[in-house]
PDB file of N, CA and C in Angstrom:
ATOM      1  N   UNK A   1      91.322 -55.190  24.783  1.00  0.00           N
ATOM      2  CA  UNK A   1      90.329 -54.725  23.842  1.00  0.00           C
ATOM      3  C   UNK A   1      90.318 -55.669  22.634  1.00  0.00           C
ATOM      4  N   UNK A   2      89.165 -56.075  22.222  1.00  0.00           N
ATOM      5  CA  UNK A   2      89.024 -57.008  21.098  1.00  0.00           C
ATOM      6  C   UNK A   2      89.285 -56.291  19.783  1.00  0.00           C
ATOM      7  N   UNK A   3      89.950 -57.002  18.894  1.00  0.00           N
ATOM      8  CA  UNK A   3      90.206 -56.460  17.559  1.00  0.00           C
ATOM      9  C   UNK A   3      89.423 -57.282  16.545  1.00  0.00           C
ATOM     10  N   UNK A   4      88.947 -56.596  15.525  1.00  0.00           N
ATOM     11  CA  UNK A   4      88.157 -57.249  14.493  1.00  0.00           C
ATOM     12  C   UNK A   4      88.715 -56.901  13.123  1.00  0.00           C
ATOM     13  N   UNK A   5      88.551 -57.828  12.181  1.00  0.00           N
ATOM     14  CA  UNK A   5      88.856 -57.567  10.777  1.00  0.00           C
ATOM     15  C   UNK A   5      87.725 -58.180   9.969  1.00  0.00           C
ATOM     16  N   UNK A   6      87.111 -57.373   9.151  1.00  0.00           N
ATOM     17  CA  UNK A   6      85.982 -57.832   8.339  1.00  0.00           C
ATOM     18  C   UNK A   6      84.927 -58.508   9.194  1.00  0.00           C
ATOM     19  N   UNK A   7      84.708 -57.934  10.369  1.00  0.00           N
ATOM     20  CA  UNK A   7      83.674 -58.455  11.253  1.00  0.00           C
ATOM     21  C   UNK A   7      84.066 -59.713  12.003  1.00  0.00           C
ATOM     22  N   UNK A   8      85.320 -60.120  11.925  1.00  0.00           N
ATOM     23  CA  UNK A   8      85.775 -61.349  12.574  1.00  0.00           C
ATOM     24  C   UNK A   8      86.721 -61.021  13.723  1.00  0.00           C
ATOM     25  N   UNK A   9      86.509 -61.660  14.866  1.00  0.00           N
ATOM     26  CA  UNK A   9      87.350 -61.465  16.034  1.00  0.00           C
ATOM     27  C   UNK A   9      88.738 -62.011  15.761  1.00  0.00           C
ATOM     28  N   UNK A  10      89.768 -61.203  16.087  1.00  0.00           N
ATOM     29  CA  UNK A  10      91.150 -61.614  15.869  1.00  0.00           C
ATOM     30  C   UNK A  10      91.767 -62.095  17.178  1.00  0.00           C
ATOM     31  N   UNK A  11      92.729 -63.015  17.076  1.00  0.00           N
ATOM     32  CA  UNK A  11      93.483 -63.473  18.232  1.00  0.00           C
ATOM     33  C   UNK A  11      94.434 -62.370  18.681  1.00  0.00           C
ATOM     34  N   UNK A  12      95.073 -62.574  19.821  1.00  0.00           N
ATOM     35  CA  UNK A  12      95.991 -61.578  20.374  1.00  0.00           C
ATOM     36  C   UNK A  12      97.125 -61.240  19.411  1.00  0.00           C
ATOM     37  N   UNK A  13      97.551 -62.209  18.591  1.00  0.00           N
ATOM     38  CA  UNK A  13      98.652 -61.950  17.657  1.00  0.00           C
ATOM     39  C   UNK A  13      98.186 -61.304  16.354  1.00  0.00           C
ATOM     40  N   UNK A  14      96.915 -60.986  16.255  1.00  0.00           N
ATOM     41  CA  UNK A  14      96.387 -60.337  15.064  1.00  0.00           C
ATOM     42  C   UNK A  14      95.886 -61.285  14.006  1.00  0.00           C
ATOM     43  N   UNK A  15      95.952 -62.587  14.286  1.00  0.00           N
ATOM     44  CA  UNK A  15      95.482 -63.560  13.300  1.00  0.00           C
ATOM     45  C   UNK A  15      94.004 -63.835  13.508  1.00  0.00           C
ATOM     46  N   UNK A  16      93.349 -64.264  12.439  1.00  0.00           N
ATOM     47  CA  UNK A  16      91.951 -64.643  12.542  1.00  0.00           C
ATOM     48  C   UNK A  16      91.865 -66.109  12.954  1.00  0.00           C
ATOM     49  N   UNK A  17      90.681 -66.662  12.986  1.00  0.00           N
ATOM     50  CA  UNK A  17      90.528 -68.043  13.468  1.00  0.00           C
ATOM     51  C   UNK A  17      91.189 -69.070  12.543  1.00  0.00           C
ATOM     52  N   UNK A  18      91.526 -68.676  11.326  1.00  0.00           N
ATOM     53  CA  UNK A  18      92.235 -69.564  10.405  1.00  0.00           C
ATOM     54  C   UNK A  18      93.749 -69.429  10.567  1.00  0.00           C
ATOM     55  N   UNK A  19      94.194 -68.533  11.477  1.00  0.00           N
ATOM     56  CA  UNK A  19      95.623 -68.340  11.687  1.00  0.00           C
ATOM     57  C   UNK A  19      96.250 -67.360  10.717  1.00  0.00           C
ATOM     58  N   UNK A  20      95.436 -66.667   9.943  1.00  0.00           N
ATOM     59  CA  UNK A  20      95.966 -65.734   8.947  1.00  0.00           C
ATOM     60  C   UNK A  20      96.034 -64.329   9.527  1.00  0.00           C
ATOM     61  N   UNK A  21      97.131 -63.652   9.270  1.00  0.00           N
ATOM     62  CA  UNK A  21      97.311 -62.274   9.691  1.00  0.00           C
ATOM     63  C   UNK A  21      97.084 -61.370   8.483  1.00  0.00           C
ATOM     64  N   UNK A  22      96.728 -60.107   8.728  1.00  0.00           N
ATOM     65  CA  UNK A  22      96.546 -59.186   7.600  1.00  0.00           C
ATOM     66  C   UNK A  22      97.801 -59.128   6.740  1.00  0.00           C
ATOM     67  N   UNK A  23      97.632 -59.186   5.434  1.00  0.00           N
ATOM     68  CA  UNK A  23      98.745 -59.110   4.503  1.00  0.00           C
ATOM     69  C   UNK A  23      99.425 -60.437   4.229  1.00  0.00           C
ATOM     70  N   UNK A  24      99.091 -61.479   4.981  1.00  0.00           N
ATOM     71  CA  UNK A  24      99.686 -62.797   4.740  1.00  0.00           C
ATOM     72  C   UNK A  24      98.923 -63.520   3.652  1.00  0.00           C
ATOM     73  N   UNK A  25      99.614 -64.393   2.977  1.00  0.00           N
ATOM     74  CA  UNK A  25      99.000 -65.213   1.944  1.00  0.00           C
ATOM     75  C   UNK A  25      98.615 -66.542   2.584  1.00  0.00           C
ATOM     76  N   UNK A  26      97.394 -66.964   2.380  1.00  0.00           N
ATOM     77  CA  UNK A  26      96.926 -68.208   2.978  1.00  0.00           C
ATOM     78  C   UNK A  26      97.549 -69.420   2.286  1.00  0.00           C
ATOM     79  N   UNK A  27      97.469 -70.537   2.968  1.00  0.00           N
ATOM     80  CA  UNK A  27      97.981 -71.785   2.397  1.00  0.00           C
ATOM     81  C   UNK A  27      97.255 -72.104   1.101  1.00  0.00           C
ATOM     82  N   UNK A  28      95.959 -71.889   1.084  1.00  0.00           N
ATOM     83  CA  UNK A  28      95.206 -72.191  -0.139  1.00  0.00           C
ATOM     84  C   UNK A  28      95.619 -71.274  -1.286  1.00  0.00           C
ATOM     85  N   UNK A  29      95.982 -70.030  -0.975  1.00  0.00           N
ATOM     86  CA  UNK A  29      96.469 -69.132  -2.026  1.00  0.00           C
ATOM     87  C   UNK A  29      97.823 -69.599  -2.552  1.00  0.00           C
ATOM     88  N   UNK A  30      98.685 -70.093  -1.645  1.00  0.00           N
ATOM     89  CA  UNK A  30      99.972 -70.652  -2.078  1.00  0.00           C
ATOM     90  C   UNK A  30      99.747 -71.870  -2.971  1.00  0.00           C
ATOM     91  N   UNK A  31      98.826 -72.723  -2.581  1.00  0.00           N
ATOM     92  CA  UNK A  31      98.542 -73.918  -3.376  1.00  0.00           C
ATOM     93  C   UNK A  31      97.965 -73.550  -4.736  1.00  0.00           C
ATOM     94  N   UNK A  32      97.073 -72.573  -4.751  1.00  0.00           N
ATOM     95  CA  UNK A  32      96.502 -72.115  -6.025  1.00  0.00           C
ATOM     96  C   UNK A  32      97.589 -71.565  -6.938  1.00  0.00           C
ATOM     97  N   UNK A  33      98.515 -70.797  -6.367  1.00  0.00           N
ATOM     98  CA  UNK A  33      99.598 -70.224  -7.155  1.00  0.00           C
ATOM     99  C   UNK A  33     100.520 -71.323  -7.681  1.00  0.00           C
ATOM    100  N   UNK A  34     100.846 -72.297  -6.843  1.00  0.00           N
ATOM    101  CA  UNK A  34     101.690 -73.419  -7.281  1.00  0.00           C
ATOM    102  C   UNK A  34     100.996 -74.189  -8.393  1.00  0.00           C
ATOM    103  N   UNK A  35      99.697 -74.420  -8.255  1.00  0.00           N
ATOM    104  CA  UNK A  35      98.925 -75.129  -9.283  1.00  0.00           C
ATOM    105  C   UNK A  35      98.943 -74.342 -10.588  1.00  0.00           C
ATOM    106  N   UNK A  36      98.798 -73.018 -10.499  1.00  0.00           N
ATOM    107  CA  UNK A  36      98.844 -72.172 -11.700  1.00  0.00           C
ATOM    108  C   UNK A  36     100.212 -72.250 -12.369  1.00  0.00           C
ATOM    109  N   UNK A  37     101.269 -72.221 -11.558  1.00  0.00           N
ATOM    110  CA  UNK A  37     102.626 -72.356 -12.102  1.00  0.00           C
ATOM    111  C   UNK A  37     102.793 -73.702 -12.799  1.00  0.00           C
ATOM    112  N   UNK A  38     102.336 -74.775 -12.153  1.00  0.00           N
ATOM    113  CA  UNK A  38     102.465 -76.109 -12.752  1.00  0.00           C
ATOM    114  C   UNK A  38     101.736 -76.174 -14.094  1.00  0.00           C
ATOM    115  N   UNK A  39     100.535 -75.611 -14.152  1.00  0.00           N
ATOM    116  CA  UNK A  39      99.774 -75.627 -15.401  1.00  0.00           C
ATOM    117  C   UNK A  39     100.472 -74.808 -16.487  1.00  0.00           C
ATOM    118  N   UNK A  40     101.035 -73.660 -16.101  1.00  0.00           N
ATOM    119  CA  UNK A  40     101.738 -72.827 -17.075  1.00  0.00           C
ATOM    120  C   UNK A  40     103.000 -73.539 -17.576  1.00  0.00           C
ATOM    121  N   UNK A  41     103.727 -74.179 -16.678  1.00  0.00           N
ATOM    122  CA  UNK A  41     104.912 -74.947 -17.079  1.00  0.00           C
ATOM    123  C   UNK A  41     104.505 -76.057 -18.033  1.00  0.00           C
ATOM    124  N   UNK A  42     103.437 -76.751 -17.706  1.00  0.00           N
ATOM    125  CA  UNK A  42     102.949 -77.853 -18.553  1.00  0.00           C
ATOM    126  C   UNK A  42     102.644 -77.354 -19.965  1.00  0.00           C
ATOM    127  N   UNK A  43     101.958 -76.209 -20.047  1.00  0.00           N
ATOM    128  CA  UNK A  43     101.605 -75.647 -21.355  1.00  0.00           C
ATOM    129  C   UNK A  43     102.859 -75.289 -22.155  1.00  0.00           C
ATOM    130  N   UNK A  44     103.830 -74.668 -21.490  1.00  0.00           N
ATOM    131  CA  UNK A  44     105.053 -74.254 -22.195  1.00  0.00           C
ATOM    132  C   UNK A  44     105.842 -75.469 -22.657  1.00  0.00           C
ATOM    133  N   UNK A  45     105.983 -76.471 -21.796  1.00  0.00           N
ATOM    134  CA  UNK A  45     106.725 -77.668 -22.192  1.00  0.00           C
ATOM    135  C   UNK A  45     106.052 -78.363 -23.370  1.00  0.00           C
ATOM    136  N   UNK A  46     104.749 -78.437 -23.354  1.00  0.00           N
ATOM    137  CA  UNK A  46     104.029 -79.138 -24.417  1.00  0.00           C
ATOM    138  C   UNK A  46     103.939 -78.301 -25.693  1.00  0.00           C
ATOM    139  N   UNK A  47     103.644 -77.031 -25.564  1.00  0.00           N
ATOM    140  CA  UNK A  47     103.433 -76.189 -26.745  1.00  0.00           C
ATOM    141  C   UNK A  47     104.734 -75.651 -27.344  1.00  0.00           C
ATOM    142  N   UNK A  48     105.659 -75.198 -26.486  1.00  0.00           N
ATOM    143  CA  UNK A  48     106.855 -74.520 -26.986  1.00  0.00           C
ATOM    144  C   UNK A  48     108.086 -75.422 -27.068  1.00  0.00           C
ATOM    145  N   UNK A  49     108.229 -76.326 -26.138  1.00  0.00           N
ATOM    146  CA  UNK A  49     109.421 -77.189 -26.111  1.00  0.00           C
ATOM    147  C   UNK A  49     109.169 -78.421 -26.965  1.00  0.00           C
ATOM    148  N   UNK A  50     108.306 -79.310 -26.567  1.00  0.00           N
ATOM    149  CA  UNK A  50     107.832 -80.487 -27.301  1.00  0.00           C
ATOM    150  C   UNK A  50     108.886 -81.144 -28.207  1.00  0.00           C
ATOM    151  N   UNK A  51     109.984 -81.616 -27.625  1.00  0.00           N
ATOM    152  CA  UNK A  51     111.063 -82.158 -28.460  1.00  0.00           C
ATOM    153  C   UNK A  51     110.691 -83.415 -29.249  1.00  0.00           C
ATOM    154  N   UNK A  52     109.659 -84.144 -28.824  1.00  0.00           N
ATOM    155  CA  UNK A  52     109.294 -85.346 -29.580  1.00  0.00           C
ATOM    156  C   UNK A  52     108.055 -85.136 -30.443  1.00  0.00           C
ATOM    157  N   UNK A  53     107.499 -83.922 -30.435  1.00  0.00           N
ATOM    158  CA  UNK A  53     106.406 -83.584 -31.341  1.00  0.00           C
ATOM    159  C   UNK A  53     105.075 -84.252 -31.055  1.00  0.00           C
ATOM    160  N   UNK A  54     104.647 -84.225 -29.797  1.00  0.00           N
ATOM    161  CA  UNK A  54     103.380 -84.880 -29.441  1.00  0.00           C
ATOM    162  C   UNK A  54     102.281 -83.908 -29.026  1.00  0.00           C
ATOM    163  N   UNK A  55     102.517 -82.619 -29.176  1.00  0.00           N
ATOM    164  CA  UNK A  55     101.571 -81.616 -28.679  1.00  0.00           C
ATOM    165  C   UNK A  55     100.156 -81.794 -29.226  1.00  0.00           C
ATOM    166  N   UNK A  56     100.027 -82.286 -30.439  1.00  0.00           N
ATOM    167  CA  UNK A  56      98.709 -82.415 -31.060  1.00  0.00           C
ATOM    168  C   UNK A  56      98.027 -83.759 -30.790  1.00  0.00           C
ATOM    169  N   UNK A  57      98.691 -84.632 -30.061  1.00  0.00           N
ATOM    170  CA  UNK A  57      98.111 -85.950 -29.758  1.00  0.00           C
ATOM    171  C   UNK A  57      97.377 -85.902 -28.421  1.00  0.00           C
ATOM    172  N   UNK A  58      96.056 -86.053 -28.434  1.00  0.00           N
ATOM    173  CA  UNK A  58      95.289 -85.977 -27.187  1.00  0.00           C
ATOM    174  C   UNK A  58      95.783 -86.960 -26.115  1.00  0.00           C
ATOM    175  N   UNK A  59      96.210 -88.137 -26.513  1.00  0.00           N
ATOM    176  CA  UNK A  59      96.637 -89.141 -25.546  1.00  0.00           C
ATOM    177  C   UNK A  59      98.028 -88.854 -24.974  1.00  0.00           C
ATOM    178  N   UNK A  60      98.721 -87.829 -25.463  1.00  0.00           N
ATOM    179  CA  UNK A  60     100.080 -87.534 -25.002  1.00  0.00           C
ATOM    180  C   UNK A  60     100.179 -86.184 -24.284  1.00  0.00           C
ATOM    181  N   UNK A  61      99.063 -85.640 -23.846  1.00  0.00           N
ATOM    182  CA  UNK A  61      99.082 -84.322 -23.208  1.00  0.00           C
ATOM    183  C   UNK A  61      99.853 -84.304 -21.891  1.00  0.00           C
ATOM    184  N   UNK A  62     100.118 -85.473 -21.325  1.00  0.00           N
ATOM    185  CA  UNK A  62     100.880 -85.538 -20.078  1.00  0.00           C
ATOM    186  C   UNK A  62     102.325 -85.994 -20.305  1.00  0.00           C
ATOM    187  N   UNK A  63     102.773 -85.985 -21.529  1.00  0.00           N
ATOM    188  CA  UNK A  63     104.079 -86.540 -21.895  1.00  0.00           C
ATOM    189  C   UNK A  63     105.242 -85.941 -21.109  1.00  0.00           C
ATOM    190  N   UNK A  64     105.196 -84.664 -20.829  1.00  0.00           N
ATOM    191  CA  UNK A  64     106.320 -83.996 -20.165  1.00  0.00           C
ATOM    192  C   UNK A  64     106.045 -83.683 -18.695  1.00  0.00           C
ATOM    193  N   UNK A  65     104.975 -84.224 -18.157  1.00  0.00           N
ATOM    194  CA  UNK A  65     104.599 -83.936 -16.768  1.00  0.00           C
ATOM    195  C   UNK A  65     105.676 -84.334 -15.767  1.00  0.00           C
ATOM    196  N   UNK A  66     106.468 -85.328 -16.086  1.00  0.00           N
ATOM    197  CA  UNK A  66     107.503 -85.766 -15.142  1.00  0.00           C
ATOM    198  C   UNK A  66     108.610 -84.728 -14.967  1.00  0.00           C
ATOM    199  N   UNK A  67     108.661 -83.726 -15.832  1.00  0.00           N
ATOM    200  CA  UNK A  67     109.673 -82.677 -15.741  1.00  0.00           C
ATOM    201  C   UNK A  67     109.172 -81.435 -15.003  1.00  0.00           C
ATOM    202  N   UNK A  68     107.886 -81.355 -14.776  1.00  0.00           N
ATOM    203  CA  UNK A  68     107.290 -80.145 -14.201  1.00  0.00           C
ATOM    204  C   UNK A  68     107.848 -79.829 -12.821  1.00  0.00           C
ATOM    205  N   UNK A  69     107.939 -80.797 -11.939  1.00  0.00           N
ATOM    206  CA  UNK A  69     108.391 -80.538 -10.574  1.00  0.00           C
ATOM    207  C   UNK A  69     109.810 -79.982 -10.548  1.00  0.00           C
ATOM    208  N   UNK A  70     110.689 -80.528 -11.368  1.00  0.00           N
ATOM    209  CA  UNK A  70     112.074 -80.034 -11.409  1.00  0.00           C
ATOM    210  C   UNK A  70     112.126 -78.610 -11.951  1.00  0.00           C
ATOM    211  N   UNK A  71     111.389 -78.341 -13.014  1.00  0.00           N
ATOM    212  CA  UNK A  71     111.353 -76.981 -13.576  1.00  0.00           C
ATOM    213  C   UNK A  71     110.790 -76.015 -12.541  1.00  0.00           C
ATOM    214  N   UNK A  72     109.702 -76.402 -11.889  1.00  0.00           N
ATOM    215  CA  UNK A  72     109.092 -75.560 -10.855  1.00  0.00           C
ATOM    216  C   UNK A  72     110.102 -75.260  -9.749  1.00  0.00           C
ATOM    217  N   UNK A  73     110.816 -76.273  -9.308  1.00  0.00           N
ATOM    218  CA  UNK A  73     111.819 -76.080  -8.268  1.00  0.00           C
ATOM    219  C   UNK A  73     112.901 -75.105  -8.692  1.00  0.00           C
ATOM    220  N   UNK A  74     113.378 -75.231  -9.906  1.00  0.00           N
ATOM    221  CA  UNK A  74     114.393 -74.309 -10.419  1.00  0.00           C
ATOM    222  C   UNK A  74     113.865 -72.873 -10.441  1.00  0.00           C
ATOM    223  N   UNK A  75     112.608 -72.732 -10.809  1.00  0.00           N
ATOM    224  CA  UNK A  75     112.020 -71.393 -10.903  1.00  0.00           C
ATOM    225  C   UNK A  75     111.807 -70.775  -9.528  1.00  0.00           C
ATOM    226  N   UNK A  76     111.235 -71.519  -8.602  1.00  0.00           N
ATOM    227  CA  UNK A  76     110.943 -70.903  -7.298  1.00  0.00           C
ATOM    228  C   UNK A  76     112.204 -70.661  -6.477  1.00  0.00           C
ATOM    229  N   UNK A  77     113.260 -71.417  -6.762  1.00  0.00           N
ATOM    230  CA  UNK A  77     114.537 -71.169  -6.088  1.00  0.00           C
ATOM    231  C   UNK A  77     115.336 -70.064  -6.783  1.00  0.00           C
ATOM    232  N   UNK A  78     114.775 -69.582  -7.897  1.00  0.00           N
ATOM    233  CA  UNK A  78     115.420 -68.528  -8.706  1.00  0.00           C
ATOM    234  C   UNK A  78     116.839 -68.928  -9.114  1.00  0.00           C
ATOM    235  N   UNK A  79     116.940 -70.159  -9.566  1.00  0.00           N
ATOM    236  CA  UNK A  79     118.227 -70.657 -10.052  1.00  0.00           C
ATOM    237  C   UNK A  79     118.604 -69.888 -11.321  1.00  0.00           C
ATOM    238  N   UNK A  80     119.890 -69.806 -11.620  1.00  0.00           N
ATOM    239  CA  UNK A  80     120.305 -69.089 -12.834  1.00  0.00           C
ATOM    240  C   UNK A  80     119.780 -69.758 -14.106  1.00  0.00           C
ATOM    241  N   UNK A  81     119.640 -68.966 -15.133  1.00  0.00           N
ATOM    242  CA  UNK A  81     119.111 -69.421 -16.422  1.00  0.00           C
ATOM    243  C   UNK A  81     119.823 -70.670 -16.917  1.00  0.00           C
ATOM    244  N   UNK A  82     121.142 -70.707 -16.790  1.00  0.00           N
ATOM    245  CA  UNK A  82     121.895 -71.830 -17.344  1.00  0.00           C
ATOM    246  C   UNK A  82     121.503 -73.163 -16.703  1.00  0.00           C
ATOM    247  N   UNK A  83     121.059 -73.139 -15.453  1.00  0.00           N
ATOM    248  CA  UNK A  83     120.631 -74.389 -14.811  1.00  0.00           C
ATOM    249  C   UNK A  83     119.333 -74.906 -15.430  1.00  0.00           C
ATOM    250  N   UNK A  84     118.432 -73.997 -15.745  1.00  0.00           N
ATOM    251  CA  UNK A  84     117.189 -74.390 -16.402  1.00  0.00           C
ATOM    252  C   UNK A  84     117.469 -74.894 -17.813  1.00  0.00           C
ATOM    253  N   UNK A  85     118.314 -74.178 -18.542  1.00  0.00           N
ATOM    254  CA  UNK A  85     118.704 -74.610 -19.889  1.00  0.00           C
ATOM    255  C   UNK A  85     119.363 -75.984 -19.808  1.00  0.00           C
ATOM    256  N   UNK A  86     120.292 -76.151 -18.867  1.00  0.00           N
ATOM    257  CA  UNK A  86     120.995 -77.430 -18.728  1.00  0.00           C
ATOM    258  C   UNK A  86     120.042 -78.578 -18.412  1.00  0.00           C
ATOM    259  N   UNK A  87     119.056 -78.321 -17.548  1.00  0.00           N
ATOM    260  CA  UNK A  87     118.096 -79.384 -17.228  1.00  0.00           C
ATOM    261  C   UNK A  87     117.289 -79.776 -18.454  1.00  0.00           C
ATOM    262  N   UNK A  88     116.743 -78.799 -19.161  1.00  0.00           N
ATOM    263  CA  UNK A  88     115.953 -79.099 -20.358  1.00  0.00           C
ATOM    264  C   UNK A  88     116.812 -79.786 -21.422  1.00  0.00           C
ATOM    265  N   UNK A  89     118.051 -79.317 -21.564  1.00  0.00           N
ATOM    266  CA  UNK A  89     118.961 -79.914 -22.545  1.00  0.00           C
ATOM    267  C   UNK A  89     119.261 -81.365 -22.177  1.00  0.00           C
ATOM    268  N   UNK A  90     119.496 -81.612 -20.885  1.00  0.00           N
ATOM    269  CA  UNK A  90     119.722 -82.986 -20.419  1.00  0.00           C
ATOM    270  C   UNK A  90     118.508 -83.862 -20.743  1.00  0.00           C
ATOM    271  N   UNK A  91     117.312 -83.361 -20.403  1.00  0.00           N
ATOM    272  CA  UNK A  91     116.095 -84.130 -20.645  1.00  0.00           C
ATOM    273  C   UNK A  91     115.946 -84.469 -22.122  1.00  0.00           C
ATOM    274  N   UNK A  92     116.217 -83.496 -22.959  1.00  0.00           N
ATOM    275  CA  UNK A  92     116.042 -83.646 -24.403  1.00  0.00           C
ATOM    276  C   UNK A  92     117.098 -84.555 -25.029  1.00  0.00           C
ATOM    277  N   UNK A  93     118.347 -84.373 -24.649  1.00  0.00           N
ATOM    278  CA  UNK A  93     119.426 -85.082 -25.341  1.00  0.00           C
ATOM    279  C   UNK A  93     119.845 -86.388 -24.667  1.00  0.00           C
ATOM    280  N   UNK A  94     119.929 -86.382 -23.359  1.00  0.00           N
ATOM    281  CA  UNK A  94     120.374 -87.587 -22.664  1.00  0.00           C
ATOM    282  C   UNK A  94     119.209 -88.480 -22.240  1.00  0.00           C
ATOM    283  N   UNK A  95     118.232 -87.894 -21.596  1.00  0.00           N
ATOM    284  CA  UNK A  95     117.110 -88.710 -21.115  1.00  0.00           C
ATOM    285  C   UNK A  95     116.262 -89.245 -22.262  1.00  0.00           C
ATOM    286  N   UNK A  96     115.968 -88.387 -23.243  1.00  0.00           N
ATOM    287  CA  UNK A  96     115.164 -88.812 -24.389  1.00  0.00           C
ATOM    288  C   UNK A  96     116.021 -89.339 -25.533  1.00  0.00           C
ATOM    289  N   UNK A  97     117.300 -89.030 -25.512  1.00  0.00           N
ATOM    290  CA  UNK A  97     118.203 -89.519 -26.548  1.00  0.00           C
ATOM    291  C   UNK A  97     118.065 -88.834 -27.887  1.00  0.00           C
ATOM    292  N   UNK A  98     117.613 -87.593 -27.895  1.00  0.00           N
ATOM    293  CA  UNK A  98     117.430 -86.845 -29.137  1.00  0.00           C
ATOM    294  C   UNK A  98     118.667 -86.007 -29.437  1.00  0.00           C
ATOM    295  N   UNK A  99     118.746 -85.530 -30.659  1.00  0.00           N
ATOM    296  CA  UNK A  99     119.858 -84.648 -31.040  1.00  0.00           C
ATOM    297  C   UNK A  99     119.724 -83.290 -30.358  1.00  0.00           C
ATOM    298  N   UNK A 100     118.512 -82.830 -30.188  1.00  0.00           N
ATOM    299  CA  UNK A 100     118.258 -81.573 -29.499  1.00  0.00           C
ATOM    300  C   UNK A 100     118.327 -80.358 -30.393  1.00  0.00           C
ATOM    301  N   UNK A 101     117.694 -79.311 -29.930  1.00  0.00           N
ATOM    302  CA  UNK A 101     117.695 -78.022 -30.609  1.00  0.00           C
ATOM    303  C   UNK A 101     118.024 -76.991 -29.531  1.00  0.00           C
ATOM    304  N   UNK A 102     119.308 -76.655 -29.416  1.00  0.00           N
ATOM    305  CA  UNK A 102     119.780 -75.791 -28.327  1.00  0.00           C
ATOM    306  C   UNK A 102     119.109 -74.422 -28.350  1.00  0.00           C
ATOM    307  N   UNK A 103     118.940 -73.832 -29.515  1.00  0.00           N
ATOM    308  CA  UNK A 103     118.313 -72.506 -29.604  1.00  0.00           C
ATOM    309  C   UNK A 103     116.878 -72.552 -29.075  1.00  0.00           C
ATOM    310  N   UNK A 104     116.128 -73.577 -29.474  1.00  0.00           N
ATOM    311  CA  UNK A 104     114.744 -73.704 -28.989  1.00  0.00           C
ATOM    312  C   UNK A 104     114.734 -73.942 -27.485  1.00  0.00           C
ATOM    313  N   UNK A 105     115.648 -74.769 -27.001  1.00  0.00           N
ATOM    314  CA  UNK A 105     115.716 -75.047 -25.570  1.00  0.00           C
ATOM    315  C   UNK A 105     115.988 -73.768 -24.785  1.00  0.00           C
ATOM    316  N   UNK A 106     116.868 -72.924 -25.292  1.00  0.00           N
ATOM    317  CA  UNK A 106     117.163 -71.654 -24.629  1.00  0.00           C
ATOM    318  C   UNK A 106     115.965 -70.712 -24.667  1.00  0.00           C
ATOM    319  N   UNK A 107     115.232 -70.698 -25.781  1.00  0.00           N
ATOM    320  CA  UNK A 107     114.030 -69.867 -25.880  1.00  0.00           C
ATOM    321  C   UNK A 107     112.969 -70.336 -24.889  1.00  0.00           C
ATOM    322  N   UNK A 108     112.826 -71.648 -24.754  1.00  0.00           N
ATOM    323  CA  UNK A 108     111.849 -72.197 -23.815  1.00  0.00           C
ATOM    324  C   UNK A 108     112.250 -71.851 -22.383  1.00  0.00           C
ATOM    325  N   UNK A 109     113.525 -71.931 -22.076  1.00  0.00           N
ATOM    326  CA  UNK A 109     114.001 -71.553 -20.741  1.00  0.00           C
ATOM    327  C   UNK A 109     113.665 -70.092 -20.451  1.00  0.00           C
ATOM    328  N   UNK A 110     113.864 -69.226 -21.430  1.00  0.00           N
ATOM    329  CA  UNK A 110     113.528 -67.814 -21.248  1.00  0.00           C
ATOM    330  C   UNK A 110     112.037 -67.638 -21.007  1.00  0.00           C
ATOM    331  N   UNK A 111     111.233 -68.362 -21.745  1.00  0.00           N
ATOM    332  CA  UNK A 111     109.773 -68.287 -21.553  1.00  0.00           C
ATOM    333  C   UNK A 111     109.401 -68.769 -20.158  1.00  0.00           C
ATOM    334  N   UNK A 112     110.016 -69.848 -19.704  1.00  0.00           N
ATOM    335  CA  UNK A 112     109.746 -70.358 -18.359  1.00  0.00           C
ATOM    336  C   UNK A 112     110.180 -69.362 -17.288  1.00  0.00           C
ATOM    337  N   UNK A 113     111.298 -68.697 -17.498  1.00  0.00           N
ATOM    338  CA  UNK A 113     111.775 -67.717 -16.528  1.00  0.00           C
ATOM    339  C   UNK A 113     110.837 -66.511 -16.422  1.00  0.00           C
ATOM    340  N   UNK A 114     110.051 -66.275 -17.446  1.00  0.00           N
ATOM    341  CA  UNK A 114     109.095 -65.168 -17.440  1.00  0.00           C
ATOM    342  C   UNK A 114     107.673 -65.611 -17.104  1.00  0.00           C
ATOM    343  N   UNK A 115     107.551 -66.804 -16.599  1.00  0.00           N
ATOM    344  CA  UNK A 115     106.235 -67.378 -16.336  1.00  0.00           C
ATOM    345  C   UNK A 115     105.441 -66.602 -15.295  1.00  0.00           C
ATOM    346  N   UNK A 116     106.137 -65.930 -14.390  1.00  0.00           N
ATOM    347  CA  UNK A 116     105.446 -65.154 -13.357  1.00  0.00           C
ATOM    348  C   UNK A 116     104.498 -64.123 -13.929  1.00  0.00           C
ATOM    349  N   UNK A 117     104.873 -63.539 -15.044  1.00  0.00           N
ATOM    350  CA  UNK A 117     104.011 -62.541 -15.686  1.00  0.00           C
ATOM    351  C   UNK A 117     102.710 -63.177 -16.190  1.00  0.00           C
ATOM    352  N   UNK A 118     102.799 -64.453 -16.604  1.00  0.00           N
ATOM    353  CA  UNK A 118     101.604 -65.151 -17.084  1.00  0.00           C
ATOM    354  C   UNK A 118     100.707 -65.602 -15.943  1.00  0.00           C
ATOM    355  N   UNK A 119     101.322 -65.942 -14.808  1.00  0.00           N
ATOM    356  CA  UNK A 119     100.577 -66.508 -13.686  1.00  0.00           C
ATOM    357  C   UNK A 119     100.000 -65.424 -12.792  1.00  0.00           C
ATOM    358  N   UNK A 120     100.756 -64.345 -12.588  1.00  0.00           N
ATOM    359  CA  UNK A 120     100.305 -63.281 -11.661  1.00  0.00           C
ATOM    360  C   UNK A 120      99.189 -62.456 -12.211  1.00  0.00           C
TER     361      UNK A 120
END
């Protein structure tokens, strides 16, 4: 007996012609969510972290983009807070060679850890 969902014929395994099953998230939805996370991380790094003070410079809006993938990875793997703090602290003090502001770095890590509420 043929099964339909939203007027579309389903395969024997319950998937539609795109391979999606009811309740599954499509690849494009995963990509959209990842893109939203990346944009939110970018905003937080530039607006809240900004250790070199370039947030107001139009030509420097991508200044911290090289850190986004690592932060995203830490977040989606649900790494402990201290790993995120340590990464940002490393970037700020060792990679950039700044004195750093540990309290601000910890606040930014907390904001990043709560990013799901902003994206969802």
